[in-house]
Amino acid sequence: MNPIDFLLAPLEYEFFVRALVASALVGVACAVVGAFVVLKGDELRW
């Protein structure tokens, strides 16, 4: 088994792919909300 097959093997399972998609969406949402909160907090200080 080469390293590429080792890394791609979990993608054969549907629940693993759904978990990756969900975690990517959560990561993007948290980044957007975090940036908004930081910028809004900076706006309130001035």
N, C-alpha and C. Protein backbone atom coordinates (compact mmCIF):
# COMPACT_ATOMS: atom_id res chain seq x y z
N MET A 1 0.85 -1.19 0.00
CA MET A 1 0.00 0.00 0.00
C MET A 1 0.90 1.25 0.00
N ASN A 2 0.73 2.07 -1.01
CA ASN A 2 1.53 3.29 -1.06
C ASN A 2 0.88 4.38 -0.21
N PRO A 3 1.60 5.45 0.06
CA PRO A 3 1.09 6.50 0.96
C PRO A 3 -0.18 7.18 0.44
N ILE A 4 -0.33 7.31 -0.86
CA ILE A 4 -1.53 7.95 -1.42
C ILE A 4 -2.77 7.09 -1.13
N ASP A 5 -2.65 5.79 -1.34
CA ASP A 5 -3.77 4.90 -1.04
C ASP A 5 -4.10 4.94 0.45
N PHE A 6 -3.08 5.04 1.27
CA PHE A 6 -3.29 5.10 2.72
C PHE A 6 -4.09 6.35 3.10
N LEU A 7 -3.80 7.48 2.43
CA LEU A 7 -4.49 8.72 2.74
C LEU A 7 -5.90 8.76 2.15
N LEU A 8 -6.11 8.13 1.02
CA LEU A 8 -7.41 8.16 0.36
C LEU A 8 -8.35 7.05 0.80
N ALA A 9 -7.86 6.07 1.51
CA ALA A 9 -8.69 4.93 1.93
C ALA A 9 -9.90 5.37 2.76
N PRO A 10 -9.78 6.29 3.72
CA PRO A 10 -10.97 6.67 4.50
C PRO A 10 -12.06 7.34 3.67
N LEU A 11 -11.71 7.89 2.53
CA LEU A 11 -12.71 8.57 1.69
C LEU A 11 -13.68 7.60 1.02
N GLU A 12 -13.44 6.30 1.18
CA GLU A 12 -14.35 5.30 0.64
C GLU A 12 -15.60 5.17 1.50
N TYR A 13 -15.56 5.68 2.70
CA TYR A 13 -16.70 5.59 3.61
C TYR A 13 -17.51 6.88 3.55
N GLU A 14 -18.83 6.74 3.36
CA GLU A 14 -19.70 7.90 3.20
C GLU A 14 -19.71 8.77 4.46
N PHE A 15 -19.72 8.15 5.63
CA PHE A 15 -19.78 8.95 6.86
C PHE A 15 -18.51 9.79 7.04
N PHE A 16 -17.38 9.28 6.56
CA PHE A 16 -16.13 10.02 6.68
C PHE A 16 -16.14 11.24 5.77
N VAL A 17 -16.67 11.07 4.56
CA VAL A 17 -16.77 12.19 3.62
C VAL A 17 -17.73 13.24 4.16
N ARG A 18 -18.88 12.79 4.72
CA ARG A 18 -19.83 13.74 5.30
C ARG A 18 -19.21 14.48 6.48
N ALA A 19 -18.41 13.78 7.28
CA ALA A 19 -17.75 14.42 8.42
C ALA A 19 -16.75 15.47 7.94
N LEU A 20 -16.03 15.19 6.88
CA LEU A 20 -15.08 16.16 6.34
C LEU A 20 -15.80 17.40 5.80
N VAL A 21 -16.90 17.19 5.12
CA VAL A 21 -17.67 18.32 4.58
C VAL A 21 -18.23 19.15 5.73
N ALA A 22 -18.78 18.48 6.75
CA ALA A 22 -19.34 19.20 7.89
C ALA A 22 -18.27 19.98 8.63
N SER A 23 -17.11 19.39 8.82
CA SER A 23 -16.04 20.09 9.53
C SER A 23 -15.51 21.27 8.72
N ALA A 24 -15.49 21.14 7.41
CA ALA A 24 -15.06 22.27 6.57
C ALA A 24 -16.07 23.41 6.65
N LEU A 25 -17.37 23.09 6.64
CA LEU A 25 -18.39 24.12 6.75
C LEU A 25 -18.34 24.81 8.11
N VAL A 26 -18.13 24.04 9.16
CA VAL A 26 -18.02 24.62 10.50
C VAL A 26 -16.79 25.51 10.58
N GLY A 27 -15.70 25.08 9.99
CA GLY A 27 -14.48 25.88 9.99
C GLY A 27 -14.66 27.21 9.27
N VAL A 28 -15.33 27.19 8.14
CA VAL A 28 -15.57 28.43 7.40
C VAL A 28 -16.51 29.33 8.19
N ALA A 29 -17.57 28.75 8.76
CA ALA A 29 -18.53 29.54 9.53
C ALA A 29 -17.86 30.18 10.74
N CYS A 30 -17.03 29.43 11.44
CA CYS A 30 -16.34 29.98 12.61
C CYS A 30 -15.36 31.08 12.21
N ALA A 31 -14.70 30.93 11.09
CA ALA A 31 -13.79 31.98 10.63
C ALA A 31 -14.54 33.26 10.30
N VAL A 32 -15.67 33.13 9.63
CA VAL A 32 -16.46 34.31 9.27
C VAL A 32 -17.01 34.98 10.52
N VAL A 33 -17.60 34.20 11.41
CA VAL A 33 -18.16 34.78 12.64
C VAL A 33 -17.06 35.38 13.50
N GLY A 34 -15.93 34.73 13.60
CA GLY A 34 -14.82 35.25 14.38
C GLY A 34 -14.30 36.56 13.84
N ALA A 35 -14.15 36.64 12.53
CA ALA A 35 -13.69 37.89 11.93
C ALA A 35 -14.72 39.00 12.15
N PHE A 36 -15.99 38.68 12.02
CA PHE A 36 -17.04 39.66 12.25
C PHE A 36 -17.01 40.18 13.69
N VAL A 37 -16.87 39.27 14.64
CA VAL A 37 -16.85 39.67 16.06
C VAL A 37 -15.63 40.54 16.36
N VAL A 38 -14.49 40.18 15.82
CA VAL A 38 -13.29 40.97 16.06
C VAL A 38 -13.43 42.35 15.45
N LEU A 39 -13.91 42.42 14.23
CA LEU A 39 -14.05 43.73 13.58
C LEU A 39 -15.14 44.56 14.25
N LYS A 40 -16.22 43.93 14.66
CA LYS A 40 -17.30 44.66 15.34
C LYS A 40 -16.81 45.16 16.70
N GLY A 41 -16.03 44.37 17.41
CA GLY A 41 -15.47 44.80 18.68
C GLY A 41 -14.52 45.95 18.51
N ASP A 42 -13.75 45.93 17.44
CA ASP A 42 -12.82 47.03 17.16
C ASP A 42 -13.60 48.31 16.84
N GLU A 43 -14.72 48.16 16.17
CA GLU A 43 -15.55 49.31 15.84
C GLU A 43 -16.16 49.93 17.10
N LEU A 44 -16.52 49.12 18.05
CA LEU A 44 -17.15 49.62 19.27
C LEU A 44 -16.17 50.36 20.18
N ARG A 45 -14.87 50.06 20.04
CA ARG A 45 -13.87 50.71 20.90
C ARG A 45 -13.61 52.14 20.50
N TRP A 46 -13.85 52.51 19.24
CA TRP A 46 -13.51 53.85 18.78
C TRP A 46 -14.66 54.75 18.83
